[in-house]
Structure formats: structure tokens, C-alpha cells
Amino acid sequence: MNKEFAVIGLGRFGGSIVKELINLDMDVLAIDADEKRVNEFADIATQAVVANTTDESVIKDLGLKNFDNVIVAIGDDIQSSILTTVILKDLGVEKVTVKSQSDHHARVLEKIGADYVTHPERDMGRRIAHKLVSNSVLDYLALSDRHSIVELEATDLLDDKSLLDLDIRAEYGVSVIAIKRDDDIIVSPDPTIKIRTKDILIVIGDDKDLTRFEKLLIQK
């Protein structure tokens, strides 16, 4: 049985979530206070409705309590984002995912019970900055305000050296949790495995430690 999702706010972020969920064969209720935006998704989403989700009675009428996940993707109206989230959690919605506009907004959302808070502009900015600084950085995923996972392409500097030789955890405080090699993925790699140039190292750690490790590859 497909999961049921509701997406509130059909701007660039919310709209892309609707489209991707539909591509994944999920049932999606698309909601926005702007009729023009709703009309754009009438033939895309499972159902699209015009609604003001800061009104508790509207949320009740839409039956959002019965959805597996409600995504609050409201744009610049922080007050509406917070009020909608409060109502959803008060009504017992099991999982509420919310887009935040700032770190302060995110802290408020967490305090009022949002299950998952995402900050797409900040996270994308981090990813792009890391990729611009080093050709070795293939991808960057923020796990929290302090910790991330980075995909790094091994340079000649690391060729034929093992994780044991490099002593990465002791030297840099980060951990290599997997190595992608051609079509294979080596999970929890043995520290004696020799790294090859062009291997992709999946590294987790504190952002400051990851930056130090990235700089090693840049400077050499």
C-alpha cells in the first residue's frame, strides 16, 4: 500500500517534493493558499486543494491527521509555518517535516514538536561551497549543524596507502565508513585495505575535522 503524503506550500521546494513523490508512486495531497499554484499541480498531484492551513478547522476537514507524513514547505511566511506546524502536532499528525528559513526558525520548529526540520538553502550552500573549493569533494550532506557526511575522491596522495597507514581517525577525527570502488561499495572497510586513486571515500565527522581532512587533499 502506498504511503500518503500532504505537502503544504507549492513553491519551488514544496513543488519539487510533490513531483518526486509522485514519481515514486506515492499518493500526494498538494495544498497552497494560492489558487494559481494549486492549479499548476492539479494534473500532477493525486489531489490539489486551495486551503489556509493556519485554520485548525481546515486541517481537520482535510483529514491530515490520517496522513503518513505532512510536509510544511511554506515559503517566507514564518508565522504561518510555525502556526501550521503547531496545529498539525496538536491534532496528532504522526510525522511533520518542515522547511526552515533560518537557524532561529529551525530552533522554534524543533521546540514546538516538528519531527524533522530541513534548511535546504543553507544545506545546498554548504554543498556548493565544498565542491567549489575542492575537486575531490563529490557530495556533501549535512547531518546536523556540526556533523556531515562527505564523499571524497581519493587523489594520488592516498594511492596504495591503507586507512591504517593514514591513521585518519587519530589524525583528523573523522571516520571512513565506506569506500566506493567501481561498481562495488565496501562498507566498514578493513583498515588494512589499500586505497586506490579514484576510489570514493565516504567520510563522516565534525564539520571542522572534515574541513581539515579536505584541506589535506587540496594542499598536497
N, C-alpha and C. Protein backbone atom coordinates (compact mmCIF):
# COMPACT_ATOMS: atom_id res chain seq x y z
N MET A 1 0.85 -1.19 0.00
CA MET A 1 0.00 0.00 0.00
C MET A 1 0.88 1.24 0.00
N ASN A 2 0.59 2.22 -0.90
CA ASN A 2 1.36 3.45 -0.97
C ASN A 2 1.16 4.30 0.29
N LYS A 3 2.20 4.99 0.69
CA LYS A 3 2.07 5.93 1.78
C LYS A 3 1.38 7.19 1.28
N GLU A 4 0.72 7.88 2.20
CA GLU A 4 0.02 9.10 1.85
C GLU A 4 0.77 10.31 2.42
N PHE A 5 1.06 11.26 1.54
CA PHE A 5 1.77 12.46 1.92
C PHE A 5 0.91 13.68 1.62
N ALA A 6 1.07 14.71 2.45
CA ALA A 6 0.46 16.00 2.17
C ALA A 6 1.58 17.03 2.15
N VAL A 7 1.59 17.87 1.14
CA VAL A 7 2.61 18.91 1.02
C VAL A 7 1.89 20.27 1.08
N ILE A 8 2.25 21.06 2.08
CA ILE A 8 1.65 22.38 2.26
C ILE A 8 2.64 23.43 1.81
N GLY A 9 2.29 24.16 0.77
CA GLY A 9 3.20 25.16 0.20
C GLY A 9 3.79 24.62 -1.09
N LEU A 10 3.38 25.21 -2.21
CA LEU A 10 3.76 24.67 -3.52
C LEU A 10 4.72 25.58 -4.27
N GLY A 11 5.65 26.17 -3.52
CA GLY A 11 6.72 26.95 -4.15
C GLY A 11 7.74 26.01 -4.77
N ARG A 12 8.93 26.50 -5.02
CA ARG A 12 9.95 25.69 -5.68
C ARG A 12 10.29 24.44 -4.89
N PHE A 13 10.44 24.59 -3.57
CA PHE A 13 10.82 23.46 -2.71
C PHE A 13 9.67 22.47 -2.58
N GLY A 14 8.50 22.96 -2.17
CA GLY A 14 7.36 22.08 -2.00
C GLY A 14 6.93 21.43 -3.30
N GLY A 15 6.97 22.21 -4.39
CA GLY A 15 6.59 21.66 -5.69
C GLY A 15 7.49 20.53 -6.13
N SER A 16 8.79 20.67 -5.87
CA SER A 16 9.72 19.61 -6.27
C SER A 16 9.49 18.34 -5.45
N ILE A 17 9.09 18.50 -4.19
CA ILE A 17 8.79 17.33 -3.36
C ILE A 17 7.56 16.61 -3.89
N VAL A 18 6.53 17.39 -4.25
CA VAL A 18 5.32 16.79 -4.80
C VAL A 18 5.65 15.96 -6.04
N LYS A 19 6.40 16.54 -6.96
CA LYS A 19 6.72 15.85 -8.21
C LYS A 19 7.53 14.58 -7.97
N GLU A 20 8.49 14.65 -7.06
CA GLU A 20 9.33 13.49 -6.81
C GLU A 20 8.55 12.38 -6.11
N LEU A 21 7.69 12.74 -5.18
CA LEU A 21 6.87 11.74 -4.51
C LEU A 21 5.93 11.05 -5.50
N ILE A 22 5.37 11.82 -6.42
CA ILE A 22 4.51 11.24 -7.46
C ILE A 22 5.31 10.29 -8.33
N ASN A 23 6.56 10.68 -8.66
CA ASN A 23 7.43 9.81 -9.46
C ASN A 23 7.73 8.50 -8.73
N LEU A 24 7.67 8.56 -7.40
CA LEU A 24 7.91 7.36 -6.58
C LEU A 24 6.62 6.59 -6.30
N ASP A 25 5.56 6.97 -7.03
CA ASP A 25 4.25 6.29 -6.94
C ASP A 25 3.59 6.43 -5.57
N MET A 26 3.83 7.56 -4.92
CA MET A 26 3.16 7.85 -3.66
C MET A 26 1.88 8.64 -3.92
N ASP A 27 0.95 8.59 -2.97
CA ASP A 27 -0.26 9.41 -3.03
C ASP A 27 0.04 10.75 -2.36
N VAL A 28 -0.22 11.85 -3.08
CA VAL A 28 0.15 13.17 -2.57
C VAL A 28 -1.01 14.15 -2.66
N LEU A 29 -1.31 14.76 -1.52
CA LEU A 29 -2.26 15.86 -1.47
C LEU A 29 -1.46 17.16 -1.47
N ALA A 30 -1.62 17.97 -2.48
CA ALA A 30 -0.90 19.23 -2.61
C ALA A 30 -1.79 20.37 -2.14
N ILE A 31 -1.25 21.22 -1.26
CA ILE A 31 -2.05 22.29 -0.64
C ILE A 31 -1.33 23.62 -0.73
N ASP A 32 -2.07 24.67 -1.06
CA ASP A 32 -1.50 26.02 -1.04
C ASP A 32 -2.66 27.01 -0.92
N ALA A 33 -2.37 28.18 -0.35
CA ALA A 33 -3.40 29.21 -0.24
C ALA A 33 -3.58 29.96 -1.56
N ASP A 34 -2.62 29.80 -2.47
CA ASP A 34 -2.65 30.47 -3.77
C ASP A 34 -3.30 29.55 -4.81
N GLU A 35 -4.44 29.97 -5.33
CA GLU A 35 -5.18 29.13 -6.28
C GLU A 35 -4.38 28.88 -7.55
N LYS A 36 -3.62 29.87 -7.99
CA LYS A 36 -2.83 29.70 -9.21
C LYS A 36 -1.83 28.57 -9.06
N ARG A 37 -1.15 28.51 -7.92
CA ARG A 37 -0.18 27.44 -7.68
C ARG A 37 -0.87 26.09 -7.61
N VAL A 38 -2.02 26.05 -6.96
CA VAL A 38 -2.75 24.79 -6.85
C VAL A 38 -3.15 24.29 -8.23
N ASN A 39 -3.59 25.19 -9.09
CA ASN A 39 -3.99 24.80 -10.44
C ASN A 39 -2.83 24.19 -11.23
N GLU A 40 -1.61 24.65 -10.94
CA GLU A 40 -0.42 24.13 -11.63
C GLU A 40 -0.18 22.66 -11.27
N PHE A 41 -0.68 22.24 -10.11
CA PHE A 41 -0.43 20.87 -9.65
C PHE A 41 -1.67 19.98 -9.74
N ALA A 42 -2.74 20.53 -10.30
CA ALA A 42 -3.99 19.78 -10.38
C ALA A 42 -3.84 18.47 -11.15
N ASP A 43 -2.99 18.49 -12.18
CA ASP A 43 -2.79 17.30 -13.01
C ASP A 43 -1.53 16.52 -12.63
N ILE A 44 -0.87 16.97 -11.57
CA ILE A 44 0.37 16.31 -11.14
C ILE A 44 0.15 15.52 -9.86
N ALA A 45 -0.39 16.19 -8.85
CA ALA A 45 -0.63 15.55 -7.56
C ALA A 45 -1.85 14.64 -7.62
N THR A 46 -1.96 13.75 -6.64
CA THR A 46 -3.15 12.90 -6.53
C THR A 46 -4.39 13.77 -6.35
N GLN A 47 -4.22 14.80 -5.53
CA GLN A 47 -5.28 15.79 -5.32
C GLN A 47 -4.62 17.11 -4.96
N ALA A 48 -5.19 18.21 -5.42
CA ALA A 48 -4.65 19.54 -5.11
C ALA A 48 -5.79 20.43 -4.64
N VAL A 49 -5.57 21.11 -3.51
CA VAL A 49 -6.65 21.93 -2.95
C VAL A 49 -6.12 23.29 -2.50
N VAL A 50 -7.01 24.28 -2.59
CA VAL A 50 -6.71 25.62 -2.07
C VAL A 50 -7.16 25.64 -0.61
N ALA A 51 -6.23 25.98 0.30
CA ALA A 51 -6.59 25.96 1.72
C ALA A 51 -5.64 26.82 2.52
N ASN A 52 -6.16 27.39 3.60
CA ASN A 52 -5.37 28.15 4.57
C ASN A 52 -5.13 27.25 5.77
N THR A 53 -3.93 26.72 5.90
CA THR A 53 -3.65 25.72 6.94
C THR A 53 -3.36 26.33 8.30
N THR A 54 -3.50 27.66 8.43
CA THR A 54 -3.40 28.25 9.77
C THR A 54 -4.75 28.20 10.48
N ASP A 55 -5.74 27.64 9.80
CA ASP A 55 -7.09 27.47 10.37
C ASP A 55 -7.24 26.00 10.77
N GLU A 56 -7.38 25.77 12.07
CA GLU A 56 -7.45 24.39 12.58
C GLU A 56 -8.59 23.60 11.95
N SER A 57 -9.74 24.25 11.74
CA SER A 57 -10.88 23.55 11.18
C SER A 57 -10.61 23.07 9.76
N VAL A 58 -9.81 23.83 9.02
CA VAL A 58 -9.45 23.45 7.65
C VAL A 58 -8.59 22.19 7.66
N ILE A 59 -7.62 22.15 8.57
CA ILE A 59 -6.75 20.98 8.68
C ILE A 59 -7.55 19.75 9.08
N LYS A 60 -8.51 19.94 9.97
CA LYS A 60 -9.37 18.82 10.37
C LYS A 60 -10.19 18.32 9.19
N ASP A 61 -10.76 19.26 8.43
CA ASP A 61 -11.59 18.90 7.28
C ASP A 61 -10.80 18.15 6.21
N LEU A 62 -9.52 18.49 6.08
CA LEU A 62 -8.67 17.83 5.09
C LEU A 62 -8.24 16.44 5.54
N GLY A 63 -8.46 16.13 6.81
CA GLY A 63 -8.10 14.81 7.33
C GLY A 63 -6.61 14.57 7.40
N LEU A 64 -5.84 15.63 7.63
CA LEU A 64 -4.37 15.49 7.61
C LEU A 64 -3.84 14.60 8.73
N LYS A 65 -4.64 14.41 9.76
CA LYS A 65 -4.21 13.53 10.86
C LYS A 65 -3.97 12.11 10.37
N ASN A 66 -4.62 11.72 9.29
CA ASN A 66 -4.52 10.35 8.80
C ASN A 66 -3.38 10.12 7.81
N PHE A 67 -2.62 11.18 7.50
CA PHE A 67 -1.53 11.04 6.53
C PHE A 67 -0.27 10.53 7.21
N ASP A 68 0.53 9.79 6.45
CA ASP A 68 1.79 9.24 6.99
C ASP A 68 2.81 10.33 7.28
N ASN A 69 2.81 11.36 6.44
CA ASN A 69 3.78 12.44 6.61
C ASN A 69 3.20 13.71 6.01
N VAL A 70 3.25 14.80 6.76
CA VAL A 70 2.83 16.10 6.26
C VAL A 70 4.06 16.99 6.17
N ILE A 71 4.32 17.52 4.98
CA ILE A 71 5.48 18.37 4.75
C ILE A 71 5.03 19.81 4.69
N VAL A 72 5.53 20.63 5.61
CA VAL A 72 5.21 22.06 5.63
C VAL A 72 6.32 22.79 4.89
N ALA A 73 6.03 23.18 3.65
CA ALA A 73 7.04 23.81 2.79
C ALA A 73 6.67 25.26 2.51
N ILE A 74 6.02 25.90 3.48
CA ILE A 74 5.61 27.30 3.32
C ILE A 74 6.85 28.17 3.17
N GLY A 75 6.78 29.12 2.23
CA GLY A 75 7.95 29.92 1.88
C GLY A 75 8.39 30.92 2.93
N ASP A 76 8.15 32.21 2.68
CA ASP A 76 8.72 33.26 3.53
C ASP A 76 7.86 33.62 4.74
N ASP A 77 6.66 33.08 4.83
CA ASP A 77 5.76 33.41 5.93
C ASP A 77 6.05 32.51 7.13
N ILE A 78 7.00 32.94 7.95
CA ILE A 78 7.44 32.14 9.09
C ILE A 78 6.30 31.92 10.08
N GLN A 79 5.48 32.94 10.28
CA GLN A 79 4.37 32.82 11.22
C GLN A 79 3.40 31.72 10.80
N SER A 80 3.08 31.68 9.51
CA SER A 80 2.17 30.64 9.01
C SER A 80 2.80 29.26 9.13
N SER A 81 4.12 29.18 8.89
CA SER A 81 4.84 27.92 9.00
C SER A 81 4.76 27.39 10.43
N ILE A 82 5.02 28.26 11.40
CA ILE A 82 5.01 27.85 12.80
C ILE A 82 3.60 27.48 13.26
N LEU A 83 2.61 28.32 12.90
CA LEU A 83 1.24 28.05 13.33
C LEU A 83 0.71 26.76 12.72
N THR A 84 0.99 26.53 11.44
CA THR A 84 0.56 25.29 10.79
C THR A 84 1.18 24.08 11.48
N THR A 85 2.46 24.17 11.81
CA THR A 85 3.15 23.06 12.48
C THR A 85 2.55 22.78 13.85
N VAL A 86 2.26 23.84 14.61
CA VAL A 86 1.66 23.68 15.93
C VAL A 86 0.32 22.96 15.83
N ILE A 87 -0.52 23.39 14.88
CA ILE A 87 -1.84 22.78 14.72
C ILE A 87 -1.72 21.31 14.33
N LEU A 88 -0.83 21.01 13.39
CA LEU A 88 -0.64 19.63 12.95
C LEU A 88 -0.24 18.72 14.10
N LYS A 89 0.70 19.17 14.91
CA LYS A 89 1.16 18.34 16.03
C LYS A 89 0.09 18.24 17.12
N ASP A 90 -0.64 19.34 17.36
CA ASP A 90 -1.71 19.30 18.36
C ASP A 90 -2.81 18.33 17.96
N LEU A 91 -3.03 18.20 16.65
CA LEU A 91 -4.08 17.30 16.17
C LEU A 91 -3.61 15.84 16.09
N GLY A 92 -2.31 15.63 16.37
CA GLY A 92 -1.81 14.26 16.43
C GLY A 92 -1.26 13.72 15.13
N VAL A 93 -0.86 14.61 14.19
CA VAL A 93 -0.23 14.13 12.96
C VAL A 93 1.06 13.41 13.33
N GLU A 94 1.23 12.20 12.81
CA GLU A 94 2.33 11.34 13.26
C GLU A 94 3.70 11.90 12.92
N LYS A 95 3.87 12.38 11.69
CA LYS A 95 5.18 12.88 11.28
C LYS A 95 5.03 14.17 10.50
N VAL A 96 5.68 15.21 11.00
CA VAL A 96 5.62 16.52 10.35
C VAL A 96 7.03 16.96 9.99
N THR A 97 7.25 17.18 8.71
CA THR A 97 8.54 17.66 8.20
C THR A 97 8.37 19.11 7.79
N VAL A 98 9.29 19.98 8.23
CA VAL A 98 9.11 21.41 8.00
C VAL A 98 10.37 22.04 7.40
N LYS A 99 10.15 22.91 6.42
CA LYS A 99 11.23 23.71 5.85
C LYS A 99 11.44 24.93 6.72
N SER A 100 12.70 25.17 7.13
CA SER A 100 13.00 26.35 7.94
C SER A 100 13.68 27.42 7.09
N GLN A 101 13.51 28.66 7.51
CA GLN A 101 14.10 29.78 6.80
C GLN A 101 15.42 30.23 7.42
N SER A 102 15.64 29.88 8.68
CA SER A 102 16.84 30.32 9.38
C SER A 102 17.09 29.39 10.56
N ASP A 103 18.24 29.53 11.17
CA ASP A 103 18.57 28.71 12.34
C ASP A 103 17.60 28.99 13.49
N HIS A 104 17.23 30.27 13.65
CA HIS A 104 16.28 30.62 14.72
C HIS A 104 14.92 29.98 14.46
N HIS A 105 14.47 30.05 13.21
CA HIS A 105 13.21 29.42 12.82
C HIS A 105 13.27 27.92 13.10
N ALA A 106 14.39 27.30 12.76
CA ALA A 106 14.56 25.86 12.98
C ALA A 106 14.46 25.51 14.46
N ARG A 107 15.08 26.33 15.32
CA ARG A 107 15.03 26.06 16.76
C ARG A 107 13.59 26.14 17.29
N VAL A 108 12.83 27.12 16.79
CA VAL A 108 11.43 27.25 17.21
C VAL A 108 10.64 26.02 16.76
N LEU A 109 10.85 25.60 15.51
CA LEU A 109 10.14 24.44 14.97
C LEU A 109 10.43 23.18 15.78
N GLU A 110 11.67 23.01 16.18
CA GLU A 110 12.04 21.85 16.98
C GLU A 110 11.37 21.89 18.36
N LYS A 111 11.28 23.09 18.94
CA LYS A 111 10.67 23.22 20.27
C LYS A 111 9.17 22.94 20.24
N ILE A 112 8.52 23.23 19.11
CA ILE A 112 7.07 23.01 19.05
C ILE A 112 6.71 21.63 18.54
N GLY A 113 7.74 20.79 18.30
CA GLY A 113 7.47 19.38 18.03
C GLY A 113 7.63 18.89 16.61
N ALA A 114 8.16 19.73 15.71
CA ALA A 114 8.40 19.25 14.34
C ALA A 114 9.30 18.02 14.40
N ASP A 115 8.95 16.99 13.64
CA ASP A 115 9.72 15.74 13.69
C ASP A 115 11.02 15.82 12.91
N TYR A 116 11.01 16.59 11.82
CA TYR A 116 12.23 16.76 11.03
C TYR A 116 12.22 18.16 10.44
N VAL A 117 13.30 18.88 10.64
CA VAL A 117 13.42 20.25 10.14
C VAL A 117 14.53 20.29 9.09
N THR A 118 14.21 20.82 7.93
CA THR A 118 15.20 20.92 6.87
C THR A 118 15.44 22.37 6.51
N HIS A 119 16.69 22.68 6.14
CA HIS A 119 17.07 24.05 5.76
C HIS A 119 17.74 23.96 4.39
N PRO A 120 16.94 23.80 3.32
CA PRO A 120 17.51 23.50 2.00
C PRO A 120 18.49 24.53 1.46
N GLU A 121 18.21 25.82 1.67
CA GLU A 121 19.12 26.85 1.14
C GLU A 121 20.48 26.77 1.81
N ARG A 122 20.48 26.64 3.14
CA ARG A 122 21.75 26.55 3.86
C ARG A 122 22.52 25.30 3.48
N ASP A 123 21.81 24.16 3.45
CA ASP A 123 22.47 22.90 3.15
C ASP A 123 23.02 22.88 1.73
N MET A 124 22.26 23.44 0.78
CA MET A 124 22.76 23.49 -0.59
C MET A 124 23.96 24.43 -0.68
N GLY A 125 23.92 25.52 0.08
CA GLY A 125 25.06 26.44 0.09
C GLY A 125 26.33 25.76 0.58
N ARG A 126 26.20 24.94 1.62
CA ARG A 126 27.35 24.19 2.13
C ARG A 126 27.89 23.24 1.06
N ARG A 127 26.99 22.52 0.41
CA ARG A 127 27.41 21.54 -0.59
C ARG A 127 28.17 22.21 -1.72
N ILE A 128 27.63 23.32 -2.21
CA ILE A 128 28.26 24.01 -3.33
C ILE A 128 29.61 24.57 -2.94
N ALA A 129 29.69 25.19 -1.73
CA ALA A 129 30.95 25.77 -1.29
C ALA A 129 32.05 24.72 -1.20
N HIS A 130 31.74 23.55 -0.64
CA HIS A 130 32.74 22.50 -0.52
C HIS A 130 33.17 21.98 -1.89
N LYS A 131 32.23 21.86 -2.81
CA LYS A 131 32.56 21.36 -4.14
C LYS A 131 33.37 22.38 -4.94
N LEU A 132 33.15 23.68 -4.68
CA LEU A 132 33.90 24.72 -5.37
C LEU A 132 35.35 24.77 -4.89
N VAL A 133 35.52 24.53 -3.60
CA VAL A 133 36.86 24.63 -3.01
C VAL A 133 37.75 23.47 -3.43
N SER A 134 37.18 22.27 -3.54
CA SER A 134 38.00 21.10 -3.84
C SER A 134 37.35 20.22 -4.89
N ASN A 135 38.12 19.87 -5.91
CA ASN A 135 37.63 18.94 -6.94
C ASN A 135 37.43 17.54 -6.37
N SER A 136 38.01 17.29 -5.21
CA SER A 136 37.90 15.96 -4.60
C SER A 136 36.54 15.74 -3.94
N VAL A 137 35.85 16.84 -3.60
CA VAL A 137 34.55 16.72 -2.95
C VAL A 137 33.47 16.46 -3.99
N LEU A 138 32.86 15.29 -3.92
CA LEU A 138 31.83 14.90 -4.88
C LEU A 138 30.43 15.19 -4.35
N ASP A 139 30.25 15.05 -3.05
CA ASP A 139 28.95 15.36 -2.46
C ASP A 139 29.15 15.67 -0.98
N TYR A 140 28.17 16.40 -0.42
CA TYR A 140 28.27 16.86 0.96
C TYR A 140 26.88 16.86 1.55
N LEU A 141 26.68 16.14 2.65
CA LEU A 141 25.37 16.04 3.28
C LEU A 141 25.46 16.43 4.74
N ALA A 142 24.78 17.52 5.09
CA ALA A 142 24.77 17.97 6.49
C ALA A 142 23.83 17.08 7.30
N LEU A 143 24.34 16.52 8.39
CA LEU A 143 23.53 15.70 9.29
C LEU A 143 22.95 16.53 10.42
N SER A 144 23.67 17.59 10.79
CA SER A 144 23.23 18.50 11.85
C SER A 144 24.00 19.79 11.63
N ASP A 145 23.90 20.71 12.59
CA ASP A 145 24.64 21.96 12.48
C ASP A 145 26.15 21.74 12.58
N ARG A 146 26.57 20.59 13.10
CA ARG A 146 28.01 20.36 13.33
C ARG A 146 28.58 19.15 12.61
N HIS A 147 27.74 18.22 12.18
CA HIS A 147 28.25 16.97 11.62
C HIS A 147 27.73 16.73 10.21
N SER A 148 28.58 16.14 9.38
CA SER A 148 28.21 15.91 7.99
C SER A 148 28.83 14.62 7.48
N ILE A 149 28.36 14.21 6.29
CA ILE A 149 28.96 13.11 5.55
C ILE A 149 29.45 13.69 4.22
N VAL A 150 30.68 13.36 3.86
CA VAL A 150 31.27 13.88 2.62
C VAL A 150 31.76 12.72 1.76
N GLU A 151 31.52 12.82 0.46
CA GLU A 151 32.10 11.88 -0.50
C GLU A 151 33.32 12.54 -1.12
N LEU A 152 34.48 11.92 -0.94
CA LEU A 152 35.75 12.47 -1.44
C LEU A 152 36.41 11.50 -2.40
N GLU A 153 36.88 12.02 -3.50
CA GLU A 153 37.60 11.17 -4.45
C GLU A 153 39.08 11.11 -4.05
N ALA A 154 39.59 9.90 -3.90
CA ALA A 154 40.98 9.72 -3.47
C ALA A 154 41.94 10.23 -4.56
N THR A 155 42.89 11.05 -4.16
CA THR A 155 43.90 11.56 -5.08
C THR A 155 45.13 10.65 -5.06
N ASP A 156 46.11 11.00 -5.88
CA ASP A 156 47.36 10.22 -5.91
C ASP A 156 48.03 10.18 -4.54
N LEU A 157 47.76 11.20 -3.73
CA LEU A 157 48.35 11.27 -2.40
C LEU A 157 48.00 10.04 -1.57
N LEU A 158 46.78 9.51 -1.77
CA LEU A 158 46.32 8.38 -0.96
C LEU A 158 46.56 7.03 -1.63
N ASP A 159 47.01 7.05 -2.88
CA ASP A 159 47.15 5.80 -3.63
C ASP A 159 48.08 4.81 -2.94
N ASP A 160 47.61 3.58 -2.83
CA ASP A 160 48.37 2.46 -2.27
C ASP A 160 48.65 2.62 -0.78
N LYS A 161 47.91 3.49 -0.12
CA LYS A 161 48.01 3.63 1.33
C LYS A 161 46.74 3.06 1.96
N SER A 162 46.88 2.46 3.12
CA SER A 162 45.72 1.92 3.82
C SER A 162 45.21 2.95 4.82
N LEU A 163 44.00 2.72 5.32
CA LEU A 163 43.47 3.60 6.36
C LEU A 163 44.35 3.52 7.61
N LEU A 164 44.94 2.36 7.81
CA LEU A 164 45.85 2.18 8.94
C LEU A 164 47.10 3.03 8.75
N ASP A 165 47.63 3.05 7.51
CA ASP A 165 48.81 3.87 7.22
C ASP A 165 48.51 5.36 7.46
N LEU A 166 47.35 5.79 7.00
CA LEU A 166 46.99 7.21 7.07
C LEU A 166 46.55 7.63 8.47
N ASP A 167 46.06 6.65 9.25
CA ASP A 167 45.61 6.92 10.63
C ASP A 167 44.64 8.10 10.66
N ILE A 168 43.65 8.05 9.76
CA ILE A 168 42.75 9.18 9.54
C ILE A 168 41.97 9.55 10.80
N ARG A 169 41.49 8.54 11.51
CA ARG A 169 40.67 8.84 12.70
C ARG A 169 41.48 9.57 13.76
N ALA A 170 42.70 9.10 13.99
CA ALA A 170 43.53 9.72 15.03
C ALA A 170 44.03 11.10 14.59
N GLU A 171 44.39 11.22 13.31
CA GLU A 171 44.97 12.47 12.80
C GLU A 171 43.93 13.55 12.58
N TYR A 172 42.76 13.15 12.13
CA TYR A 172 41.76 14.15 11.73
C TYR A 172 40.42 14.04 12.47
N GLY A 173 40.22 12.98 13.23
CA GLY A 173 38.99 12.85 13.99
C GLY A 173 37.77 12.49 13.16
N VAL A 174 37.98 11.99 11.94
CA VAL A 174 36.86 11.59 11.08
C VAL A 174 36.96 10.09 10.80
N SER A 175 35.86 9.52 10.32
CA SER A 175 35.83 8.08 10.06
C SER A 175 35.42 7.80 8.63
N VAL A 176 36.14 6.90 7.98
CA VAL A 176 35.76 6.43 6.65
C VAL A 176 34.80 5.27 6.85
N ILE A 177 33.52 5.49 6.52
CA ILE A 177 32.51 4.46 6.80
C ILE A 177 32.27 3.54 5.60
N ALA A 178 32.74 3.97 4.42
CA ALA A 178 32.60 3.11 3.24
C ALA A 178 33.53 3.61 2.14
N ILE A 179 33.84 2.70 1.22
CA ILE A 179 34.66 3.04 0.04
C ILE A 179 33.92 2.56 -1.20
N LYS A 180 33.67 3.47 -2.13
CA LYS A 180 33.09 3.07 -3.42
C LYS A 180 34.25 2.82 -4.39
N ARG A 181 34.26 1.64 -4.99
CA ARG A 181 35.32 1.28 -5.94
C ARG A 181 34.66 0.67 -7.17
N ASP A 182 34.67 1.39 -8.26
CA ASP A 182 33.97 0.97 -9.48
C ASP A 182 32.50 0.72 -9.12
N ASP A 183 32.01 -0.49 -9.31
CA ASP A 183 30.60 -0.79 -9.01
C ASP A 183 30.40 -1.39 -7.63
N ASP A 184 31.46 -1.48 -6.85
CA ASP A 184 31.38 -2.09 -5.52
C ASP A 184 31.39 -1.03 -4.43
N ILE A 185 30.73 -1.35 -3.32
CA ILE A 185 30.78 -0.49 -2.13
C ILE A 185 31.27 -1.34 -0.97
N ILE A 186 32.39 -0.93 -0.40
CA ILE A 186 32.97 -1.65 0.74
C ILE A 186 32.53 -0.92 2.01
N VAL A 187 31.61 -1.53 2.75
CA VAL A 187 31.08 -0.92 3.97
C VAL A 187 31.96 -1.31 5.16
N SER A 188 32.19 -0.35 6.06
CA SER A 188 33.07 -0.57 7.22
C SER A 188 34.36 -1.24 6.76
N PRO A 189 35.11 -0.57 5.90
CA PRO A 189 36.31 -1.20 5.30
C PRO A 189 37.35 -1.62 6.32
N ASP A 190 37.99 -2.74 6.04
CA ASP A 190 39.10 -3.20 6.86
C ASP A 190 40.21 -2.14 6.78
N PRO A 191 40.78 -1.72 7.90
CA PRO A 191 41.79 -0.65 7.89
C PRO A 191 43.05 -1.00 7.11
N THR A 192 43.22 -2.28 6.77
CA THR A 192 44.42 -2.65 6.02
C THR A 192 44.22 -2.60 4.50
N ILE A 193 42.96 -2.37 4.05
CA ILE A 193 42.70 -2.29 2.60
C ILE A 193 43.44 -1.11 2.00
N LYS A 194 44.09 -1.33 0.87
CA LYS A 194 44.83 -0.27 0.20
C LYS A 194 43.86 0.60 -0.62
N ILE A 195 43.99 1.90 -0.44
CA ILE A 195 43.17 2.84 -1.21
C ILE A 195 43.78 3.02 -2.59
N ARG A 196 42.93 3.15 -3.60
CA ARG A 196 43.39 3.41 -4.96
C ARG A 196 42.96 4.81 -5.40
N THR A 197 43.76 5.41 -6.24
CA THR A 197 43.37 6.69 -6.83
C THR A 197 42.02 6.51 -7.52
N LYS A 198 41.13 7.49 -7.33
CA LYS A 198 39.77 7.50 -7.88
C LYS A 198 38.76 6.72 -7.04
N ASP A 199 39.23 6.02 -5.97
CA ASP A 199 38.27 5.47 -5.02
C ASP A 199 37.48 6.63 -4.44
N ILE A 200 36.23 6.38 -4.07
CA ILE A 200 35.41 7.40 -3.42
C ILE A 200 35.28 7.03 -1.95
N LEU A 201 35.80 7.90 -1.09
CA LEU A 201 35.74 7.68 0.35
C LEU A 201 34.52 8.38 0.92
N ILE A 202 33.71 7.64 1.66
CA ILE A 202 32.55 8.23 2.33
C ILE A 202 32.95 8.46 3.78
N VAL A 203 33.05 9.73 4.14
CA VAL A 203 33.66 10.12 5.41
C VAL A 203 32.63 10.86 6.27
N ILE A 204 32.59 10.53 7.56
CA ILE A 204 31.66 11.18 8.49
C ILE A 204 32.45 11.81 9.62
N GLY A 205 31.96 12.95 10.12
CA GLY A 205 32.65 13.58 11.23
C GLY A 205 32.15 14.99 11.50
N ASP A 206 32.81 15.63 12.45
CA ASP A 206 32.54 17.03 12.77
C ASP A 206 32.97 17.89 11.58
N ASP A 207 32.20 18.95 11.29
CA ASP A 207 32.49 19.78 10.12
C ASP A 207 33.91 20.33 10.13
N LYS A 208 34.40 20.76 11.30
CA LYS A 208 35.75 21.32 11.38
C LYS A 208 36.80 20.26 11.04
N ASP A 209 36.59 19.04 11.52
CA ASP A 209 37.53 17.96 11.24
C ASP A 209 37.48 17.56 9.76
N LEU A 210 36.27 17.53 9.20
CA LEU A 210 36.14 17.20 7.78
C LEU A 210 36.84 18.24 6.91
N THR A 211 36.72 19.51 7.30
CA THR A 211 37.38 20.58 6.55
C THR A 211 38.89 20.41 6.59
N ARG A 212 39.42 20.04 7.75
CA ARG A 212 40.88 19.82 7.86
C ARG A 212 41.31 18.68 6.94
N PHE A 213 40.49 17.62 6.88
CA PHE A 213 40.84 16.49 6.04
C PHE A 213 40.75 16.87 4.56
N GLU A 214 39.74 17.65 4.20
CA GLU A 214 39.62 18.13 2.81
C GLU A 214 40.84 18.96 2.43
N LYS A 215 41.30 19.81 3.35
CA LYS A 215 42.45 20.67 3.07
C LYS A 215 43.71 19.86 2.82
N LEU A 216 43.82 18.71 3.48
CA LEU A 216 44.97 17.81 3.23
C LEU A 216 45.02 17.46 1.75
N LEU A 217 43.88 17.11 1.17
CA LEU A 217 43.84 16.71 -0.24
C LEU A 217 44.11 17.90 -1.16
N ILE A 218 43.64 19.09 -0.74
CA ILE A 218 43.84 20.29 -1.56
C ILE A 218 45.30 20.70 -1.57
N GLN A 219 45.92 20.72 -0.39
CA GLN A 219 47.28 21.26 -0.26
C GLN A 219 48.33 20.35 -0.86
N LYS A 220 48.06 19.05 -0.91
CA LYS A 220 49.06 18.14 -1.43
C LYS A 220 48.91 17.96 -2.94
